[in-house]
Each structure stands twice: as structure tokens, then as C-alpha cells.
N, C-alpha and C. Protein backbone atom coordinates (compact mmCIF):
# COMPACT_ATOMS: atom_id res chain seq x y z
N MET A 1 62.74 55.44 102.65
CA MET A 1 63.84 56.36 102.64
C MET A 1 63.75 57.25 103.89
N LEU A 2 64.85 57.45 104.54
CA LEU A 2 64.88 58.29 105.74
C LEU A 2 65.27 59.71 105.37
N TYR A 3 64.59 60.66 105.97
CA TYR A 3 64.90 62.06 105.76
C TYR A 3 65.53 62.62 107.02
N GLN A 4 66.56 63.39 106.88
CA GLN A 4 67.20 64.01 108.02
C GLN A 4 66.46 65.31 108.35
N MET A 5 66.11 65.46 109.61
CA MET A 5 65.44 66.69 110.05
C MET A 5 66.50 67.73 110.33
N ARG A 6 66.38 68.88 109.74
CA ARG A 6 67.32 69.96 109.97
C ARG A 6 66.79 70.87 111.08
N GLY A 7 67.72 71.35 111.88
CA GLY A 7 67.35 72.29 112.92
C GLY A 7 66.94 71.66 114.25
N LEU A 8 66.75 70.35 114.29
CA LEU A 8 66.38 69.69 115.54
C LEU A 8 67.65 69.29 116.26
N ASN A 9 67.92 69.98 117.37
CA ASN A 9 69.14 69.70 118.11
C ASN A 9 68.90 68.95 119.40
N TRP A 10 67.76 69.15 120.01
CA TRP A 10 67.45 68.54 121.29
C TRP A 10 66.03 68.00 121.29
N LEU A 11 65.82 66.95 122.02
CA LEU A 11 64.48 66.41 122.23
C LEU A 11 64.25 66.38 123.73
N TYR A 12 63.26 67.09 124.20
CA TYR A 12 62.95 67.15 125.63
C TYR A 12 61.68 66.37 125.90
N PHE A 13 61.69 65.58 126.94
CA PHE A 13 60.44 64.99 127.39
C PHE A 13 60.40 65.11 128.90
N ASP A 14 59.22 65.22 129.42
CA ASP A 14 59.05 65.55 130.82
C ASP A 14 58.53 64.36 131.59
N LEU A 15 59.10 64.16 132.75
CA LEU A 15 58.63 63.12 133.66
C LEU A 15 58.17 63.79 134.94
N ASN A 16 56.87 63.73 135.19
CA ASN A 16 56.31 64.22 136.44
C ASN A 16 56.58 65.71 136.67
N SER A 17 56.39 66.52 135.65
CA SER A 17 56.53 67.98 135.74
C SER A 17 57.94 68.41 136.15
N TYR A 18 58.94 67.66 135.77
CA TYR A 18 60.31 67.89 136.20
C TYR A 18 60.81 69.29 135.85
N PHE A 19 60.72 69.68 134.58
CA PHE A 19 61.28 70.97 134.17
C PHE A 19 60.57 72.14 134.85
N ALA A 20 59.25 72.04 135.00
CA ALA A 20 58.51 73.11 135.67
C ALA A 20 58.89 73.19 137.14
N THR A 21 59.09 72.05 137.77
CA THR A 21 59.50 72.03 139.17
C THR A 21 60.88 72.65 139.34
N ILE A 22 61.79 72.37 138.40
CA ILE A 22 63.12 72.98 138.45
C ILE A 22 63.00 74.50 138.35
N GLU A 23 62.16 74.99 137.43
CA GLU A 23 61.97 76.43 137.29
C GLU A 23 61.45 77.03 138.60
N GLN A 24 60.54 76.33 139.27
CA GLN A 24 60.00 76.83 140.53
C GLN A 24 61.05 76.79 141.65
N GLN A 25 61.99 75.86 141.59
CA GLN A 25 63.06 75.80 142.58
C GLN A 25 64.09 76.90 142.34
N VAL A 26 64.41 77.15 141.07
CA VAL A 26 65.39 78.18 140.72
C VAL A 26 64.83 79.57 141.03
N ASP A 27 63.55 79.77 140.76
CA ASP A 27 62.90 81.07 140.98
C ASP A 27 61.75 80.88 141.98
N PRO A 28 62.00 81.04 143.25
CA PRO A 28 60.97 80.80 144.27
C PRO A 28 59.69 81.63 144.09
N SER A 29 59.75 82.74 143.36
CA SER A 29 58.54 83.54 143.14
C SER A 29 57.52 82.80 142.27
N LEU A 30 57.95 81.75 141.58
CA LEU A 30 57.04 80.97 140.73
C LEU A 30 56.33 79.85 141.49
N ARG A 31 56.75 79.59 142.70
CA ARG A 31 56.14 78.49 143.46
C ARG A 31 54.67 78.77 143.74
N GLY A 32 53.85 77.75 143.51
CA GLY A 32 52.41 77.89 143.74
C GLY A 32 51.66 78.55 142.58
N LYS A 33 52.38 78.86 141.50
CA LYS A 33 51.76 79.52 140.34
C LYS A 33 51.82 78.59 139.13
N PRO A 34 50.88 78.75 138.17
CA PRO A 34 50.91 77.91 136.97
C PRO A 34 52.11 78.28 136.08
N VAL A 35 52.97 77.30 135.84
CA VAL A 35 54.18 77.50 135.05
C VAL A 35 54.20 76.50 133.91
N VAL A 36 54.54 76.96 132.71
CA VAL A 36 54.82 76.05 131.60
C VAL A 36 56.22 76.35 131.08
N VAL A 37 56.90 75.31 130.63
CA VAL A 37 58.21 75.47 130.01
C VAL A 37 58.03 75.22 128.52
N VAL A 38 58.60 76.12 127.72
CA VAL A 38 58.41 76.09 126.27
C VAL A 38 59.76 76.11 125.56
N PRO A 39 59.82 75.60 124.32
CA PRO A 39 61.08 75.67 123.57
C PRO A 39 61.38 77.07 123.05
N LEU A 40 60.33 77.85 122.75
CA LEU A 40 60.46 79.24 122.29
C LEU A 40 59.38 80.08 122.93
N LEU A 41 59.64 81.35 123.08
CA LEU A 41 58.62 82.24 123.63
C LEU A 41 57.72 82.71 122.49
N SER A 42 56.75 81.86 122.14
CA SER A 42 55.85 82.11 121.02
C SER A 42 54.50 81.47 121.31
N ASP A 43 53.43 82.09 120.87
CA ASP A 43 52.09 81.51 121.05
C ASP A 43 51.87 80.28 120.19
N SER A 44 52.67 80.09 119.16
CA SER A 44 52.44 78.98 118.24
C SER A 44 53.15 77.69 118.67
N THR A 45 53.93 77.75 119.73
CA THR A 45 54.61 76.54 120.20
C THR A 45 53.73 75.82 121.22
N CYS A 46 54.24 74.76 121.82
CA CYS A 46 53.46 74.03 122.82
C CYS A 46 54.26 73.87 124.10
N ALA A 47 53.57 73.53 125.16
CA ALA A 47 54.20 73.35 126.46
C ALA A 47 54.98 72.04 126.48
N ILE A 48 56.26 72.14 126.84
CA ILE A 48 57.06 70.93 127.05
C ILE A 48 56.66 70.29 128.36
N THR A 49 56.36 71.11 129.33
CA THR A 49 55.91 70.64 130.63
C THR A 49 54.98 71.67 131.27
N ALA A 50 54.18 71.20 132.17
CA ALA A 50 53.29 72.07 132.93
C ALA A 50 53.43 71.72 134.40
N SER A 51 53.46 72.75 135.24
CA SER A 51 53.55 72.53 136.69
C SER A 51 52.23 71.91 137.18
N TYR A 52 52.27 71.42 138.40
CA TYR A 52 51.04 70.86 138.97
C TYR A 52 49.93 71.89 139.02
N GLU A 53 50.29 73.14 139.31
CA GLU A 53 49.30 74.21 139.36
C GLU A 53 48.68 74.47 137.98
N ALA A 54 49.49 74.38 136.93
CA ALA A 54 48.98 74.55 135.57
C ALA A 54 48.10 73.37 135.18
N LYS A 55 48.48 72.18 135.61
CA LYS A 55 47.68 70.99 135.30
C LYS A 55 46.29 71.07 135.93
N LEU A 56 46.21 71.69 137.10
CA LEU A 56 44.89 71.87 137.74
C LEU A 56 43.98 72.77 136.91
N LYS A 57 44.56 73.61 136.07
CA LYS A 57 43.78 74.49 135.20
C LYS A 57 43.50 73.86 133.83
N GLY A 58 43.94 72.60 133.64
CA GLY A 58 43.66 71.88 132.40
C GLY A 58 44.78 71.95 131.38
N ILE A 59 45.92 72.48 131.75
CA ILE A 59 47.06 72.59 130.84
C ILE A 59 47.92 71.35 131.02
N LYS A 60 48.29 70.72 129.92
CA LYS A 60 49.14 69.54 130.00
C LYS A 60 50.25 69.63 128.97
N THR A 61 51.19 68.72 129.05
CA THR A 61 52.28 68.67 128.09
C THR A 61 51.71 68.54 126.68
N GLY A 62 52.18 69.39 125.77
CA GLY A 62 51.70 69.36 124.40
C GLY A 62 50.62 70.38 124.09
N THR A 63 50.07 71.03 125.12
CA THR A 63 49.04 72.04 124.90
C THR A 63 49.65 73.25 124.21
N LYS A 64 49.00 73.73 123.16
CA LYS A 64 49.48 74.93 122.46
C LYS A 64 49.40 76.14 123.40
N ILE A 65 50.37 77.02 123.30
CA ILE A 65 50.44 78.16 124.20
C ILE A 65 49.25 79.09 124.04
N TYR A 66 48.77 79.29 122.81
CA TYR A 66 47.59 80.15 122.66
C TYR A 66 46.39 79.55 123.38
N GLU A 67 46.33 78.22 123.53
CA GLU A 67 45.24 77.58 124.28
C GLU A 67 45.47 77.71 125.78
N THR A 68 46.73 77.63 126.21
CA THR A 68 47.01 77.73 127.64
C THR A 68 46.64 79.11 128.17
N LYS A 69 46.82 80.13 127.35
CA LYS A 69 46.49 81.49 127.78
C LYS A 69 44.99 81.67 127.97
N LYS A 70 44.18 80.86 127.30
CA LYS A 70 42.73 80.91 127.50
C LYS A 70 42.34 80.19 128.80
N LEU A 71 43.11 79.17 129.17
CA LEU A 71 42.79 78.36 130.35
C LEU A 71 43.26 79.00 131.66
N ALA A 72 44.35 79.76 131.61
CA ALA A 72 44.90 80.37 132.82
C ALA A 72 45.03 81.87 132.61
N LEU A 73 44.39 82.64 133.47
CA LEU A 73 44.47 84.09 133.35
C LEU A 73 45.90 84.58 133.59
N THR A 74 46.58 83.97 134.54
CA THR A 74 47.97 84.30 134.82
C THR A 74 48.80 83.06 134.56
N LEU A 75 49.71 83.15 133.63
CA LEU A 75 50.54 82.00 133.24
C LEU A 75 51.97 82.47 133.12
N TYR A 76 52.88 81.73 133.69
CA TYR A 76 54.29 82.07 133.62
C TYR A 76 54.98 81.12 132.65
N MET A 77 55.56 81.67 131.59
CA MET A 77 56.25 80.87 130.59
C MET A 77 57.75 81.01 130.80
N SER A 78 58.44 79.90 130.74
CA SER A 78 59.88 79.91 130.87
C SER A 78 60.46 79.14 129.70
N LYS A 79 61.42 79.76 129.02
CA LYS A 79 62.07 79.08 127.89
C LYS A 79 63.01 78.03 128.45
N VAL A 80 62.97 76.85 127.87
CA VAL A 80 63.80 75.76 128.34
C VAL A 80 65.27 76.16 128.28
N GLY A 81 65.99 75.84 129.33
CA GLY A 81 67.39 76.23 129.40
C GLY A 81 68.31 75.03 129.29
N THR A 82 69.57 75.30 129.22
CA THR A 82 70.55 74.23 129.09
C THR A 82 70.96 73.68 130.46
N SER A 83 70.46 74.25 131.53
CA SER A 83 70.83 73.77 132.86
C SER A 83 70.25 72.38 133.15
N TYR A 84 69.27 71.93 132.35
CA TYR A 84 68.67 70.61 132.59
C TYR A 84 69.45 69.49 131.93
N THR A 85 70.25 69.83 130.93
CA THR A 85 70.90 68.79 130.13
C THR A 85 72.26 68.43 130.64
């Protein structure tokens, strides 16, 4: 039997840090800094994408935000926007 998931409107997947790179292009002050893109601004969610700088600190797609904050002293979180879709 199939169950319908309520509340799921979008499914994001990242190819080669795409969303984080877009954030760094839109906001040049983020270039060269560890950036993660998240669905909500909450410690209990996970990173949809991580910039190359964040990946160097051990943060990857799917890493919980509370764990990313332990790995990077300075971390820039950006809520996923509709400009990508």
C-alpha cells in the first residue's frame, strides 16, 4: 500500500555544489567561505548542499546542521530559495 506524504512540495538534490555556488555568485561576500544551503533555518535539519570550502572542513550533503557547526567555526547558512527552480 502506498502512503501519500503530506507537506513535501519539493525535492532538491545537488550536483557538484550547485546551490552553494549559486549563493556565492548572488552574494559575493560568501565567496571563499564555507556555505551550506538548508531547507529550513534550524539545527535539526541537514545540508542540501555544501560549498567546496565547507567540504574541505568535512561537511557534505546530508550532514546535520548541529554537526556542521562543530566542524566549522564560521558557517554561513542560506535557506533554499525558489530562484533555483
